[in-house]
PDB file of N, CA and C in Angstrom:
ATOM      1  N   MET A   1       0.890  -1.180   0.020  1.00  0.00           N
ATOM      2  CA  MET A   1       0.018  -0.065  -0.003  1.00  0.00           C
ATOM      3  C   MET A   1       0.961   1.214  -0.009  1.00  0.00           C
ATOM      4  N   ASN A   2       0.555   2.196  -0.855  1.00  0.00           N
ATOM      5  CA  ASN A   2       1.434   3.371  -0.840  1.00  0.00           C
ATOM      6  C   ASN A   2       1.144   4.315   0.320  1.00  0.00           C
ATOM      7  N   LEU A   3       2.075   5.228   0.453  1.00  0.00           N
ATOM      8  CA  LEU A   3       1.990   5.981   1.843  1.00  0.00           C
ATOM      9  C   LEU A   3       0.832   6.901   1.810  1.00  0.00           C
ATOM     10  N   LYS A   4       0.402   7.447   0.641  1.00  0.00           N
ATOM     11  CA  LYS A   4      -0.767   8.420   0.599  1.00  0.00           C
ATOM     12  C   LYS A   4      -2.031   7.670   0.982  1.00  0.00           C
ATOM     13  N   LYS A   5      -2.177   6.362   0.471  1.00  0.00           N
ATOM     14  CA  LYS A   5      -3.442   5.599   0.837  1.00  0.00           C
ATOM     15  C   LYS A   5      -3.475   5.270   2.282  1.00  0.00           C
ATOM     16  N   THR A   6      -2.297   4.888   2.926  1.00  0.00           N
ATOM     17  CA  THR A   6      -2.097   4.617   4.256  1.00  0.00           C
ATOM     18  C   THR A   6      -2.423   5.795   5.147  1.00  0.00           C
ATOM     19  N   GLU A   7      -1.979   7.039   4.755  1.00  0.00           N
ATOM     20  CA  GLU A   7      -2.183   8.300   5.460  1.00  0.00           C
ATOM     21  C   GLU A   7      -3.738   8.522   5.393  1.00  0.00           C
ATOM     22  N   GLN A   8      -4.449   8.310   4.243  1.00  0.00           N
ATOM     23  CA  GLN A   8      -5.918   8.515   4.106  1.00  0.00           C
ATOM     24  C   GLN A   8      -6.648   7.570   5.047  1.00  0.00           C
ATOM     25  N   LEU A   9      -6.199   6.333   5.123  1.00  0.00           N
ATOM     26  CA  LEU A   9      -6.899   5.310   5.987  1.00  0.00           C
ATOM     27  C   LEU A   9      -6.774   5.726   7.422  1.00  0.00           C
ATOM     28  N   LEU A  10      -5.556   6.183   7.791  1.00  0.00           N
ATOM     29  CA  LEU A  10      -5.334   6.539   9.262  1.00  0.00           C
ATOM     30  C   LEU A  10      -5.992   7.805   9.571  1.00  0.00           C
ATOM     31  N   ASP A  11      -6.183   8.698   8.678  1.00  0.00           N
ATOM     32  CA  ASP A  11      -6.868   9.956   8.847  1.00  0.00           C
ATOM     33  C   ASP A  11      -8.335   9.707   9.106  1.00  0.00           C
ATOM     34  N   SER A  12      -8.913   8.780   8.282  1.00  0.00           N
ATOM     35  CA  SER A  12     -10.363   8.427   8.401  1.00  0.00           C
ATOM     36  C   SER A  12     -10.642   7.696   9.732  1.00  0.00           C
ATOM     37  N   LEU A  13      -9.612   6.964  10.263  1.00  0.00           N
ATOM     38  CA  LEU A  13      -9.740   6.212  11.525  1.00  0.00           C
ATOM     39  C   LEU A  13      -9.766   7.268  12.628  1.00  0.00           C
ATOM     40  N   ARG A  14      -8.699   8.136  12.525  1.00  0.00           N
ATOM     41  CA  ARG A  14      -8.739   9.248  13.637  1.00  0.00           C
ATOM     42  C   ARG A  14      -9.924  10.025  13.703  1.00  0.00           C
ATOM     43  N   GLU A  15     -10.554  10.311  12.580  1.00  0.00           N
ATOM     44  CA  GLU A  15     -11.876  11.086  12.497  1.00  0.00           C
ATOM     45  C   GLU A  15     -12.946  10.142  13.252  1.00  0.00           C
ATOM     46  N   ASP A  16     -12.974   8.794  12.928  1.00  0.00           N
ATOM     47  CA  ASP A  16     -13.904   7.962  13.697  1.00  0.00           C
ATOM     48  C   ASP A  16     -13.578   7.815  15.145  1.00  0.00           C
ATOM     49  N   ILE A  17     -12.333   7.893  15.638  1.00  0.00           N
ATOM     50  CA  ILE A  17     -12.114   7.684  17.028  1.00  0.00           C
ATOM     51  C   ILE A  17     -12.535   9.026  17.785  1.00  0.00           C
ATOM     52  N   ILE A  18     -12.528  10.043  17.213  1.00  0.00           N
ATOM     53  CA  ILE A  18     -13.013  11.303  17.661  1.00  0.00           C
ATOM     54  C   ILE A  18     -14.637  11.141  18.001  1.00  0.00           C
ATOM     55  N   VAL A  19     -15.290  10.445  17.105  1.00  0.00           N
ATOM     56  CA  VAL A  19     -16.639  10.278  17.322  1.00  0.00           C
ATOM     57  C   VAL A  19     -17.034   9.404  18.339  1.00  0.00           C
ATOM     58  N   TYR A  20     -16.273   8.191  18.376  1.00  0.00           N
ATOM     59  CA  TYR A  20     -16.641   7.292  19.469  1.00  0.00           C
ATOM     60  C   TYR A  20     -15.524   7.107  20.599  1.00  0.00           C
ATOM     61  N   GLY A  21     -14.612   8.003  20.725  1.00  0.00           N
ATOM     62  CA  GLY A  21     -13.439   7.860  21.535  1.00  0.00           C
ATOM     63  C   GLY A  21     -13.973   7.744  23.099  1.00  0.00           C
ATOM     64  N   ASP A  22     -15.009   8.387  23.492  1.00  0.00           N
ATOM     65  CA  ASP A  22     -15.458   8.331  24.893  1.00  0.00           C
ATOM     66  C   ASP A  22     -15.897   6.892  25.177  1.00  0.00           C
ATOM     67  N   TYR A  23     -16.521   6.306  24.163  1.00  0.00           N
ATOM     68  CA  TYR A  23     -17.049   5.002  24.392  1.00  0.00           C
ATOM     69  C   TYR A  23     -15.840   4.070  24.445  1.00  0.00           C
ATOM     70  N   LEU A  24     -14.915   4.132  23.587  1.00  0.00           N
ATOM     71  CA  LEU A  24     -13.789   3.290  23.716  1.00  0.00           C
ATOM     72  C   LEU A  24     -13.076   3.430  24.926  1.00  0.00           C
ATOM     73  N   LYS A  25     -12.865   4.594  25.405  1.00  0.00           N
ATOM     74  CA  LYS A  25     -12.269   4.909  26.781  1.00  0.00           C
ATOM     75  C   LYS A  25     -13.053   4.283  27.877  1.00  0.00           C
ATOM     76  N   GLU A  26     -14.434   4.250  27.918  1.00  0.00           N
ATOM     77  CA  GLU A  26     -15.160   3.569  28.937  1.00  0.00           C
ATOM     78  C   GLU A  26     -14.921   1.986  28.850  1.00  0.00           C
ATOM     79  N   ILE A  27     -14.856   1.469  27.674  1.00  0.00           N
ATOM     80  CA  ILE A  27     -14.462   0.059  27.568  1.00  0.00           C
ATOM     81  C   ILE A  27     -13.279  -0.210  27.961  1.00  0.00           C
ATOM     82  N   SER A  28     -12.177   0.587  27.759  1.00  0.00           N
ATOM     83  CA  SER A  28     -10.852   0.316  28.226  1.00  0.00           C
ATOM     84  C   SER A  28     -10.848   0.364  29.674  1.00  0.00           C
ATOM     85  N   GLU A  29     -11.429   1.381  30.273  1.00  0.00           N
ATOM     86  CA  GLU A  29     -11.432   1.474  31.661  1.00  0.00           C
ATOM     87  C   GLU A  29     -12.062   0.349  32.381  1.00  0.00           C
ATOM     88  N   ALA A  30     -13.177  -0.164  31.895  1.00  0.00           N
ATOM     89  CA  ALA A  30     -13.914  -1.314  32.332  1.00  0.00           C
ATOM     90  C   ALA A  30     -13.120  -2.634  32.258  1.00  0.00           C
ATOM     91  N   CYS A  31     -12.296  -2.717  31.049  1.00  0.00           N
ATOM     92  CA  CYS A  31     -11.480  -3.954  30.998  1.00  0.00           C
ATOM     93  C   CYS A  31     -10.332  -3.920  31.997  1.00  0.00           C
ATOM     94  N   ARG A  32      -9.880  -2.749  32.273  1.00  0.00           N
ATOM     95  CA  ARG A  32      -8.757  -2.718  33.411  1.00  0.00           C
ATOM     96  C   ARG A  32      -9.394  -2.757  34.784  1.00  0.00           C
ATOM     97  N   GLN A  33     -10.470  -2.182  35.056  1.00  0.00           N
ATOM     98  CA  GLN A  33     -11.054  -2.305  36.423  1.00  0.00           C
ATOM     99  C   GLN A  33     -11.628  -3.658  36.780  1.00  0.00           C
ATOM    100  N   GLU A  34     -12.113  -4.336  35.756  1.00  0.00           N
ATOM    101  CA  GLU A  34     -12.586  -5.674  36.020  1.00  0.00           C
ATOM    102  C   GLU A  34     -11.446  -6.758  35.895  1.00  0.00           C
ATOM    103  N   LYS A  35     -10.221  -6.304  35.826  1.00  0.00           N
ATOM    104  CA  LYS A  35      -9.071  -7.121  35.757  1.00  0.00           C
ATOM    105  C   LYS A  35      -9.118  -8.166  34.630  1.00  0.00           C
ATOM    106  N   ILE A  36      -9.640  -7.701  33.469  1.00  0.00           N
ATOM    107  CA  ILE A  36      -9.607  -8.532  32.308  1.00  0.00           C
ATOM    108  C   ILE A  36      -8.217  -8.485  31.661  1.00  0.00           C
ATOM    109  N   SER A  37      -7.760  -7.221  31.443  1.00  0.00           N
ATOM    110  CA  SER A  37      -6.418  -6.911  31.061  1.00  0.00           C
ATOM    111  C   SER A  37      -5.958  -5.489  31.304  1.00  0.00           C
ATOM    112  N   ASP A  38      -4.815  -5.263  31.588  1.00  0.00           N
ATOM    113  CA  ASP A  38      -4.145  -4.086  31.630  1.00  0.00           C
ATOM    114  C   ASP A  38      -3.852  -3.391  30.333  1.00  0.00           C
ATOM    115  N   PHE A  39      -4.039  -4.220  29.242  1.00  0.00           N
ATOM    116  CA  PHE A  39      -3.671  -3.778  27.850  1.00  0.00           C
ATOM    117  C   PHE A  39      -4.769  -3.975  27.076  1.00  0.00           C
ATOM    118  N   PRO A  40      -5.785  -3.236  27.015  1.00  0.00           N
ATOM    119  CA  PRO A  40      -6.870  -3.366  25.974  1.00  0.00           C
ATOM    120  C   PRO A  40      -6.369  -3.017  24.577  1.00  0.00           C
ATOM    121  N   ILE A  41      -6.935  -3.675  23.635  1.00  0.00           N
ATOM    122  CA  ILE A  41      -6.585  -3.410  22.197  1.00  0.00           C
ATOM    123  C   ILE A  41      -7.844  -3.394  21.466  1.00  0.00           C
ATOM    124  N   PHE A  42      -8.027  -2.381  20.563  1.00  0.00           N
ATOM    125  CA  PHE A  42      -9.167  -2.234  19.790  1.00  0.00           C
ATOM    126  C   PHE A  42      -8.761  -2.485  18.346  1.00  0.00           C
ATOM    127  N   ILE A  43      -9.576  -3.414  17.650  1.00  0.00           N
ATOM    128  CA  ILE A  43      -9.282  -3.739  16.284  1.00  0.00           C
ATOM    129  C   ILE A  43     -10.071  -2.957  15.332  1.00  0.00           C
ATOM    130  N   ALA A  44      -9.440  -2.069  14.435  1.00  0.00           N
ATOM    131  CA  ALA A  44     -10.258  -1.315  13.508  1.00  0.00           C
ATOM    132  C   ALA A  44     -10.188  -2.000  12.232  1.00  0.00           C
ATOM    133  N   HIS A  45     -11.336  -2.279  11.578  1.00  0.00           N
ATOM    134  CA  HIS A  45     -11.471  -2.999  10.319  1.00  0.00           C
ATOM    135  C   HIS A  45     -12.677  -2.530   9.525  1.00  0.00           C
ATOM    136  N   GLN A  46     -12.608  -2.898   8.267  1.00  0.00           N
ATOM    137  CA  GLN A  46     -13.791  -2.446   7.358  1.00  0.00           C
ATOM    138  C   GLN A  46     -14.406  -3.757   6.770  1.00  0.00           C
ATOM    139  N   GLU A  47     -14.062  -4.923   7.310  1.00  0.00           N
ATOM    140  CA  GLU A  47     -14.736  -6.202   6.770  1.00  0.00           C
ATOM    141  C   GLU A  47     -15.999  -6.286   7.423  1.00  0.00           C
ATOM    142  N   PRO A  48     -16.914  -7.146   6.809  1.00  0.00           N
ATOM    143  CA  PRO A  48     -18.211  -7.369   7.386  1.00  0.00           C
ATOM    144  C   PRO A  48     -18.188  -7.961   8.711  1.00  0.00           C
ATOM    145  N   THR A  49     -17.151  -8.989   8.863  1.00  0.00           N
ATOM    146  CA  THR A  49     -16.918  -9.572  10.285  1.00  0.00           C
ATOM    147  C   THR A  49     -15.530 -10.205  10.175  1.00  0.00           C
ATOM    148  N   ILE A  50     -14.886 -10.110  11.460  1.00  0.00           N
ATOM    149  CA  ILE A  50     -13.553 -10.660  11.666  1.00  0.00           C
ATOM    150  C   ILE A  50     -13.654 -11.577  12.895  1.00  0.00           C
ATOM    151  N   SER A  51     -12.867 -12.492  13.060  1.00  0.00           N
ATOM    152  CA  SER A  51     -12.976 -13.394  14.309  1.00  0.00           C
ATOM    153  C   SER A  51     -12.076 -13.000  15.361  1.00  0.00           C
ATOM    154  N   LEU A  52     -11.615 -11.779  15.329  1.00  0.00           N
ATOM    155  CA  LEU A  52     -10.632 -11.256  16.362  1.00  0.00           C
ATOM    156  C   LEU A  52     -11.354 -10.310  17.349  1.00  0.00           C
ATOM    157  N   GLY A  53     -11.328 -10.633  18.464  1.00  0.00           N
ATOM    158  CA  GLY A  53     -12.116  -9.722  19.482  1.00  0.00           C
ATOM    159  C   GLY A  53     -13.614  -9.762  19.458  1.00  0.00           C
ATOM    160  N   LYS A  54     -14.204  -8.903  20.278  1.00  0.00           N
ATOM    161  CA  LYS A  54     -15.683  -8.880  20.362  1.00  0.00           C
ATOM    162  C   LYS A  54     -16.174  -7.587  19.578  1.00  0.00           C
ATOM    163  N   PRO A  55     -17.089  -7.758  18.566  1.00  0.00           N
ATOM    164  CA  PRO A  55     -17.618  -6.556  17.898  1.00  0.00           C
ATOM    165  C   PRO A  55     -18.195  -5.575  18.942  1.00  0.00           C
ATOM    166  N   ILE A  56     -17.784  -4.311  18.805  1.00  0.00           N
ATOM    167  CA  ILE A  56     -18.623  -3.344  19.700  1.00  0.00           C
ATOM    168  C   ILE A  56     -19.116  -2.117  18.943  1.00  0.00           C
ATOM    169  N   ILE A  57     -18.550  -1.856  17.758  1.00  0.00           N
ATOM    170  CA  ILE A  57     -19.079  -0.870  16.844  1.00  0.00           C
ATOM    171  C   ILE A  57     -19.094  -1.368  15.379  1.00  0.00           C
ATOM    172  N   LEU A  58     -20.241  -1.225  14.750  1.00  0.00           N
ATOM    173  CA  LEU A  58     -20.429  -1.723  13.369  1.00  0.00           C
ATOM    174  C   LEU A  58     -20.519  -0.452  12.590  1.00  0.00           C
ATOM    175  N   ARG A  59     -19.662  -0.283  11.559  1.00  0.00           N
ATOM    176  CA  ARG A  59     -19.568   0.908  10.850  1.00  0.00           C
ATOM    177  C   ARG A  59     -21.054   1.193  10.124  1.00  0.00           C
ATOM    178  N   GLU A  60     -21.622   0.153   9.803  1.00  0.00           N
ATOM    179  CA  GLU A  60     -22.958   0.320   9.074  1.00  0.00           C
ATOM    180  C   GLU A  60     -24.003   1.025  10.050  1.00  0.00           C
ATOM    181  N   ASN A  61     -23.917   0.641  11.313  1.00  0.00           N
ATOM    182  CA  ASN A  61     -24.763   1.189  12.306  1.00  0.00           C
ATOM    183  C   ASN A  61     -24.373   2.621  12.736  1.00  0.00           C
ATOM    184  N   SER A  62     -23.208   2.785  12.894  1.00  0.00           N
ATOM    185  CA  SER A  62     -22.637   3.964  13.323  1.00  0.00           C
ATOM    186  C   SER A  62     -22.416   5.086  12.279  1.00  0.00           C
ATOM    187  N   GLN A  63     -22.575   4.759  11.077  1.00  0.00           N
ATOM    188  CA  GLN A  63     -22.334   5.643   9.982  1.00  0.00           C
ATOM    189  C   GLN A  63     -20.945   6.283  10.024  1.00  0.00           C
ATOM    190  N   THR A  64     -19.975   5.379  10.250  1.00  0.00           N
ATOM    191  CA  THR A  64     -18.487   5.811  10.213  1.00  0.00           C
ATOM    192  C   THR A  64     -17.840   4.787   9.202  1.00  0.00           C
ATOM    193  N   SER A  65     -16.495   5.157   9.147  1.00  0.00           N
ATOM    194  CA  SER A  65     -15.776   4.291   8.099  1.00  0.00           C
ATOM    195  C   SER A  65     -15.178   2.986   8.631  1.00  0.00           C
ATOM    196  N   TRP A  66     -15.147   2.804   9.968  1.00  0.00           N
ATOM    197  CA  TRP A  66     -14.532   1.810  10.567  1.00  0.00           C
ATOM    198  C   TRP A  66     -15.395   0.963  11.525  1.00  0.00           C
ATOM    199  N   SER A  67     -15.349  -0.343  11.624  1.00  0.00           N
ATOM    200  CA  SER A  67     -15.992  -1.138  12.660  1.00  0.00           C
ATOM    201  C   SER A  67     -14.868  -1.440  13.704  1.00  0.00           C
ATOM    202  N   ILE A  68     -15.273  -1.570  14.870  1.00  0.00           N
ATOM    203  CA  ILE A  68     -14.320  -1.720  15.982  1.00  0.00           C
ATOM    204  C   ILE A  68     -14.656  -3.010  16.821  1.00  0.00           C
ATOM    205  N   ASN A  69     -13.593  -3.830  17.037  1.00  0.00           N
ATOM    206  CA  ASN A  69     -13.757  -4.943  17.917  1.00  0.00           C
ATOM    207  C   ASN A  69     -12.952  -4.779  19.058  1.00  0.00           C
ATOM    208  N   ALA A  70     -13.274  -5.190  20.194  1.00  0.00           N
ATOM    209  CA  ALA A  70     -12.489  -4.996  21.521  1.00  0.00           C
ATOM    210  C   ALA A  70     -11.662  -6.368  21.897  1.00  0.00           C
ATOM    211  N   SER A  71     -10.518  -6.254  22.256  1.00  0.00           N
ATOM    212  CA  SER A  71      -9.735  -7.367  22.526  1.00  0.00           C
ATOM    213  C   SER A  71      -8.721  -6.890  23.622  1.00  0.00           C
ATOM    214  N   HIS A  72      -7.588  -7.740  23.839  1.00  0.00           N
ATOM    215  CA  HIS A  72      -6.555  -7.416  24.767  1.00  0.00           C
ATOM    216  C   HIS A  72      -5.404  -8.031  24.345  1.00  0.00           C
ATOM    217  N   LEU A  73      -4.235  -7.760  25.135  1.00  0.00           N
ATOM    218  CA  LEU A  73      -2.976  -8.342  24.731  1.00  0.00           C
ATOM    219  C   LEU A  73      -2.924  -9.856  24.795  1.00  0.00           C
ATOM    220  N   GLN A  74      -3.450 -10.439  25.894  1.00  0.00           N
ATOM    221  CA  GLN A  74      -3.351 -11.975  26.008  1.00  0.00           C
ATOM    222  C   GLN A  74      -3.997 -12.564  24.908  1.00  0.00           C
ATOM    223  N   ASP A  75      -5.112 -12.114  24.392  1.00  0.00           N
ATOM    224  CA  ASP A  75      -5.803 -12.642  23.244  1.00  0.00           C
ATOM    225  C   ASP A  75      -4.872 -12.636  22.038  1.00  0.00           C
ATOM    226  N   PHE A  76      -4.161 -11.554  21.852  1.00  0.00           N
ATOM    227  CA  PHE A  76      -3.289 -11.448  20.698  1.00  0.00           C
ATOM    228  C   PHE A  76      -2.053 -12.550  20.808  1.00  0.00           C
ATOM    229  N   VAL A  77      -1.601 -12.651  22.134  1.00  0.00           N
ATOM    230  CA  VAL A  77      -0.549 -13.547  22.288  1.00  0.00           C
ATOM    231  C   VAL A  77      -1.083 -15.047  22.224  1.00  0.00           C
ATOM    232  N   ASN A  78      -2.298 -15.379  22.740  1.00  0.00           N
ATOM    233  CA  ASN A  78      -2.882 -16.620  22.583  1.00  0.00           C
ATOM    234  C   ASN A  78      -3.115 -17.014  21.116  1.00  0.00           C
ATOM    235  N   ARG A  79      -3.359 -16.069  20.250  1.00  0.00           N
ATOM    236  CA  ARG A  79      -3.625 -16.453  18.818  1.00  0.00           C
ATOM    237  C   ARG A  79      -2.228 -16.263  17.991  1.00  0.00           C
ATOM    238  N   ASN A  80      -1.102 -16.112  18.769  1.00  0.00           N
ATOM    239  CA  ASN A  80       0.198 -15.893  18.066  1.00  0.00           C
ATOM    240  C   ASN A  80       0.232 -14.714  17.113  1.00  0.00           C
ATOM    241  N   LEU A  81      -0.492 -13.627  17.403  1.00  0.00           N
ATOM    242  CA  LEU A  81      -0.454 -12.473  16.613  1.00  0.00           C
ATOM    243  C   LEU A  81       0.715 -11.588  17.287  1.00  0.00           C
ATOM    244  N   ILE A  82       1.020 -11.782  18.513  1.00  0.00           N
ATOM    245  CA  ILE A  82       2.196 -11.188  19.135  1.00  0.00           C
ATOM    246  C   ILE A  82       2.897 -12.386  19.682  1.00  0.00           C
ATOM    247  N   ASP A  83       4.131 -12.585  19.425  1.00  0.00           N
ATOM    248  CA  ASP A  83       4.939 -13.628  19.774  1.00  0.00           C
ATOM    249  C   ASP A  83       5.145 -13.603  21.318  1.00  0.00           C
ATOM    250  N   HIS A  84       4.992 -14.644  22.005  1.00  0.00           N
ATOM    251  CA  HIS A  84       5.161 -14.670  23.398  1.00  0.00           C
ATOM    252  C   HIS A  84       6.551 -13.902  23.967  1.00  0.00           C
ATOM    253  N   GLU A  85       7.586 -14.093  23.283  1.00  0.00           N
ATOM    254  CA  GLU A  85       8.743 -13.455  23.567  1.00  0.00           C
ATOM    255  C   GLU A  85       8.736 -11.843  23.383  1.00  0.00           C
ATOM    256  N   LYS A  86       7.866 -11.482  22.561  1.00  0.00           N
ATOM    257  CA  LYS A  86       7.748 -10.015  22.312  1.00  0.00           C
ATOM    258  C   LYS A  86       6.725  -9.501  23.243  1.00  0.00           C
ATOM    259  N   GLU A  87       6.008 -10.162  23.984  1.00  0.00           N
ATOM    260  CA  GLU A  87       4.914  -9.572  24.964  1.00  0.00           C
ATOM    261  C   GLU A  87       5.531  -8.564  25.849  1.00  0.00           C
ATOM    262  N   LEU A  88       6.690  -8.717  26.423  1.00  0.00           N
ATOM    263  CA  LEU A  88       7.231  -7.733  27.307  1.00  0.00           C
ATOM    264  C   LEU A  88       7.515  -6.461  26.574  1.00  0.00           C
ATOM    265  N   ASN A  89       7.963  -6.570  25.355  1.00  0.00           N
ATOM    266  CA  ASN A  89       8.328  -5.449  24.527  1.00  0.00           C
ATOM    267  C   ASN A  89       6.968  -4.569  24.239  1.00  0.00           C
ATOM    268  N   PHE A  90       5.992  -5.188  24.018  1.00  0.00           N
ATOM    269  CA  PHE A  90       4.765  -4.642  23.668  1.00  0.00           C
ATOM    270  C   PHE A  90       4.329  -3.887  24.926  1.00  0.00           C
ATOM    271  N   THR A  91       4.397  -4.465  26.078  1.00  0.00           N
ATOM    272  CA  THR A  91       3.883  -3.849  27.341  1.00  0.00           C
ATOM    273  C   THR A  91       4.721  -2.552  27.669  1.00  0.00           C
ATOM    274  N   GLN A  92       5.999  -2.505  27.139  1.00  0.00           N
ATOM    275  CA  GLN A  92       6.918  -1.426  27.363  1.00  0.00           C
ATOM    276  C   GLN A  92       6.602  -0.143  26.516  1.00  0.00           C
ATOM    277  N   ILE A  93       5.997  -0.622  25.307  1.00  0.00           N
ATOM    278  CA  ILE A  93       5.670   0.616  24.374  1.00  0.00           C
ATOM    279  C   ILE A  93       4.263   1.008  24.395  1.00  0.00           C
ATOM    280  N   TYR A  94       3.442   0.153  25.184  1.00  0.00           N
ATOM    281  CA  TYR A  94       2.038   0.431  25.259  1.00  0.00           C
ATOM    282  C   TYR A  94       1.879   1.877  26.137  1.00  0.00           C
ATOM    283  N   LYS A  95       1.122   2.709  25.574  1.00  0.00           N
ATOM    284  CA  LYS A  95       1.014   4.195  25.999  1.00  0.00           C
ATOM    285  C   LYS A  95      -0.151   4.130  27.156  1.00  0.00           C
ATOM    286  N   ASN A  96      -0.093   5.077  27.943  1.00  0.00           N
ATOM    287  CA  ASN A  96      -1.033   5.300  28.989  1.00  0.00           C
ATOM    288  C   ASN A  96      -2.515   5.138  28.471  1.00  0.00           C
ATOM    289  N   PRO A  97      -3.243   3.997  28.896  1.00  0.00           N
ATOM    290  CA  PRO A  97      -4.554   3.817  28.342  1.00  0.00           C
ATOM    291  C   PRO A  97      -5.648   4.889  28.778  1.00  0.00           C
ATOM    292  N   ASP A  98      -5.319   5.780  29.707  1.00  0.00           N
ATOM    293  CA  ASP A  98      -6.219   6.780  30.199  1.00  0.00           C
ATOM    294  C   ASP A  98      -6.119   7.957  29.198  1.00  0.00           C
ATOM    295  N   GLN A  99      -4.929   7.961  28.392  1.00  0.00           N
ATOM    296  CA  GLN A  99      -4.734   9.086  27.431  1.00  0.00           C
ATOM    297  C   GLN A  99      -4.787   8.661  25.989  1.00  0.00           C
ATOM    298  N   PHE A 100      -4.484   7.369  25.743  1.00  0.00           N
ATOM    299  CA  PHE A 100      -4.345   6.877  24.431  1.00  0.00           C
ATOM    300  C   PHE A 100      -5.182   5.511  24.178  1.00  0.00           C
ATOM    301  N   VAL A 101      -5.774   5.535  23.057  1.00  0.00           N
ATOM    302  CA  VAL A 101      -6.394   4.195  22.606  1.00  0.00           C
ATOM    303  C   VAL A 101      -5.435   3.361  21.832  1.00  0.00           C
ATOM    304  N   CYS A 102      -5.294   2.192  22.193  1.00  0.00           N
ATOM    305  CA  CYS A 102      -4.423   1.299  21.313  1.00  0.00           C
ATOM    306  C   CYS A 102      -5.323   0.553  20.343  1.00  0.00           C
ATOM    307  N   VAL A 103      -4.898   0.815  19.044  1.00  0.00           N
ATOM    308  CA  VAL A 103      -5.787   0.272  17.892  1.00  0.00           C
ATOM    309  C   VAL A 103      -4.872  -0.586  17.055  1.00  0.00           C
ATOM    310  N   PHE A 104      -5.390  -1.912  16.815  1.00  0.00           N
ATOM    311  CA  PHE A 104      -4.674  -2.642  15.740  1.00  0.00           C
ATOM    312  C   PHE A 104      -5.525  -2.447  14.525  1.00  0.00           C
ATOM    313  N   VAL A 105      -4.881  -1.868  13.464  1.00  0.00           N
ATOM    314  CA  VAL A 105      -5.542  -1.359  12.227  1.00  0.00           C
ATOM    315  C   VAL A 105      -5.333  -2.610  11.268  1.00  0.00           C
ATOM    316  N   LEU A 106      -6.422  -3.043  10.811  1.00  0.00           N
ATOM    317  CA  LEU A 106      -6.446  -4.364   9.935  1.00  0.00           C
ATOM    318  C   LEU A 106      -7.217  -4.203   8.657  1.00  0.00           C
ATOM    319  N   THR A 107      -6.408  -4.071   7.599  1.00  0.00           N
ATOM    320  CA  THR A 107      -6.978  -4.040   6.287  1.00  0.00           C
ATOM    321  C   THR A 107      -6.398  -5.163   5.410  1.00  0.00           C
ATOM    322  N   PRO A 108      -6.916  -5.360   4.182  1.00  0.00           N
ATOM    323  CA  PRO A 108      -6.283  -6.398   3.426  1.00  0.00           C
ATOM    324  C   PRO A 108      -4.838  -6.163   3.068  1.00  0.00           C
ATOM    325  N   GLU A 109      -4.594  -4.802   3.003  1.00  0.00           N
ATOM    326  CA  GLU A 109      -3.162  -4.449   2.492  1.00  0.00           C
ATOM    327  C   GLU A 109      -2.302  -4.007   3.620  1.00  0.00           C
ATOM    328  N   PHE A 110      -2.777  -3.738   4.861  1.00  0.00           N
ATOM    329  CA  PHE A 110      -1.995  -3.163   5.806  1.00  0.00           C
ATOM    330  C   PHE A 110      -2.564  -3.602   7.235  1.00  0.00           C
ATOM    331  N   SER A 111      -1.608  -3.868   8.117  1.00  0.00           N
ATOM    332  CA  SER A 111      -1.898  -4.130   9.511  1.00  0.00           C
ATOM    333  C   SER A 111      -0.732  -3.628  10.393  1.00  0.00           C
ATOM    334  N   ASN A 112      -1.172  -2.872  11.567  1.00  0.00           N
ATOM    335  CA  ASN A 112      -0.223  -2.406  12.394  1.00  0.00           C
ATOM    336  C   ASN A 112      -0.907  -1.866  13.594  1.00  0.00           C
ATOM    337  N   PHE A 113      -0.319  -1.632  14.713  1.00  0.00           N
ATOM    338  CA  PHE A 113      -0.743  -1.035  15.923  1.00  0.00           C
ATOM    339  C   PHE A 113      -0.432   0.535  15.713  1.00  0.00           C
ATOM    340  N   ILE A 114      -1.497   1.239  16.324  1.00  0.00           N
ATOM    341  CA  ILE A 114      -1.242   2.775  16.430  1.00  0.00           C
ATOM    342  C   ILE A 114      -1.767   3.102  17.828  1.00  0.00           C
ATOM    343  N   PHE A 115      -1.246   4.141  18.450  1.00  0.00           N
ATOM    344  CA  PHE A 115      -1.699   4.695  19.641  1.00  0.00           C
ATOM    345  C   PHE A 115      -2.315   6.130  19.267  1.00  0.00           C
ATOM    346  N   CYS A 116      -3.649   6.365  19.560  1.00  0.00           N
ATOM    347  CA  CYS A 116      -4.265   7.557  19.147  1.00  0.00           C
ATOM    348  C   CYS A 116      -4.708   8.230  20.413  1.00  0.00           C
ATOM    349  N   PRO A 117      -4.384   9.502  20.614  1.00  0.00           N
ATOM    350  CA  PRO A 117      -4.698  10.222  21.705  1.00  0.00           C
ATOM    351  C   PRO A 117      -6.336  10.390  21.790  1.00  0.00           C
ATOM    352  N   TYR A 118      -6.922  10.329  23.085  1.00  0.00           N
ATOM    353  CA  TYR A 118      -8.362  10.680  23.164  1.00  0.00           C
ATOM    354  C   TYR A 118      -8.497  12.162  23.098  1.00  0.00           C
ATOM    355  N   GLN A 119      -9.619  12.620  22.608  1.00  0.00           N
ATOM    356  CA  GLN A 119      -9.841  14.040  22.533  1.00  0.00           C
ATOM    357  C   GLN A 119     -10.203  14.577  23.908  1.00  0.00           C
TER     358      GLN A 119
END
């Protein structure tokens, strides 16, 4: 994927996070308070369904560009999406979840983690 297309995708995701950022922050807080995980991860995708995480926002219903599923670090490790040896590295780069949402961006051409500040 070229850089311009990647930037356009990420810009559209940032716009969507502004729309439902408070909701993502509530889910992140609940995940941590209920001791599910200290490392919540949200999966942003544009596919009708994916098998990773639990669907929480459907773009068709929210009139946004991205659907969002909720997951966490251990789920990514259990599915071998993050190598067990890299788990510590991930926890060290993970940004303060009270200030940033951790998003795994998943498209057919591109997949990567981003940390986006809450508004």
